[in-house]
Amino acid sequence: MAGSVKSISSPVPVTLFPTLAALMLTIGLIVTASFFIYEATSSRKTRSVAKELITGTVASVFLGFGSLFLLLASGVYV
């Protein structure tokens, strides 16, 4: 039984962690900036709740995974 045990490995190569972190954080910050610009430039009557939720969700996902890859690239394994 000990011979059939495999070690756990990442599905993403470790060398891609810094690149993925920078890419995802950049995309997340751009989407966050567009969210703030949308909130600042639209009036209360023309705002769309669906657009706000979608934009917030996309920004949150990219910033979350970007933060995860940043931690993994710096050696903090979570």
Protein backbone atom coordinates (compact mmCIF):
# COMPACT_ATOMS: atom_id res chain seq x y z
CA MET A 1 0.00 0.00 0.00
CA ALA A 2 2.87 2.40 0.69
CA GLY A 3 4.12 1.95 -2.88
CA SER A 4 0.87 3.19 -4.41
CA VAL A 5 0.79 6.49 -2.53
CA LYS A 6 1.42 9.54 -4.73
CA SER A 7 2.54 12.90 -3.46
CA ILE A 8 0.23 15.86 -3.84
CA SER A 9 1.31 18.24 -6.57
CA SER A 10 -0.05 21.48 -7.94
CA PRO A 11 -2.04 21.39 -11.20
CA VAL A 12 -0.31 24.68 -12.08
CA PRO A 13 3.48 24.68 -12.48
CA VAL A 14 5.25 26.53 -9.68
CA THR A 15 7.16 28.65 -12.21
CA LEU A 16 3.88 30.24 -13.35
CA PHE A 17 2.85 31.50 -9.88
CA PRO A 18 4.46 34.97 -10.17
CA THR A 19 3.10 35.49 -13.69
CA LEU A 20 -0.40 34.41 -12.71
CA ALA A 21 -0.28 36.60 -9.61
CA ALA A 22 0.69 39.69 -11.58
CA LEU A 23 -1.81 39.00 -14.36
CA MET A 24 -4.77 38.28 -12.10
CA LEU A 25 -4.08 41.18 -9.74
CA THR A 26 -3.76 43.54 -12.70
CA ILE A 27 -7.05 42.37 -14.21
CA GLY A 28 -8.74 42.54 -10.81
CA LEU A 29 -7.52 46.09 -10.19
CA ILE A 30 -8.66 47.21 -13.65
CA VAL A 31 -12.13 45.74 -13.10
CA THR A 32 -12.26 47.32 -9.64
CA ALA A 33 -11.31 50.69 -11.13
CA SER A 34 -14.03 50.35 -13.77
CA PHE A 35 -16.52 49.55 -11.00
CA PHE A 36 -15.58 52.71 -9.09
CA ILE A 37 -15.72 54.81 -12.26
CA TYR A 38 -19.17 53.38 -13.06
CA GLU A 39 -20.40 54.19 -9.56
CA ALA A 40 -19.02 57.72 -9.67
CA THR A 41 -20.27 58.65 -13.13
CA SER A 42 -23.75 57.10 -13.20
CA SER A 43 -26.74 58.64 -11.53
CA ARG A 44 -28.78 56.78 -8.98
CA LYS A 45 -31.61 56.20 -11.48
CA THR A 46 -29.43 54.80 -14.27
CA ARG A 47 -27.48 52.27 -12.20
CA SER A 48 -27.99 48.58 -12.81
CA VAL A 49 -27.81 46.21 -9.86
CA ALA A 50 -27.00 43.29 -12.16
CA LYS A 51 -24.03 45.13 -13.68
CA GLU A 52 -22.76 46.08 -10.22
CA LEU A 53 -23.01 42.49 -8.97
CA ILE A 54 -21.34 41.02 -12.04
CA THR A 55 -18.51 43.57 -12.00
CA GLY A 56 -17.99 43.12 -8.26
CA THR A 57 -17.98 39.33 -8.57
CA VAL A 58 -15.47 39.33 -11.43
CA ALA A 59 -13.18 41.75 -9.57
CA SER A 60 -13.45 39.69 -6.40
CA VAL A 61 -12.58 36.43 -8.16
CA PHE A 62 -9.55 37.88 -9.93
CA LEU A 63 -8.27 39.66 -6.82
CA GLY A 64 -8.83 36.53 -4.71
CA PHE A 65 -6.96 34.20 -7.04
CA GLY A 66 -4.30 36.85 -7.64
CA SER A 67 -3.73 37.12 -3.89
CA LEU A 68 -3.57 33.33 -3.61
CA PHE A 69 -0.94 33.07 -6.34
CA LEU A 70 1.00 35.97 -4.81
CA LEU A 71 1.13 34.14 -1.49
CA LEU A 72 2.14 30.89 -3.20
CA ALA A 73 4.85 32.66 -5.24
CA SER A 74 6.32 34.19 -2.09
CA GLY A 75 6.48 30.81 -0.33
CA VAL A 76 3.45 31.07 1.94
CA TYR A 77 1.59 27.85 1.24
CA VAL A 78 -2.06 28.13 2.15
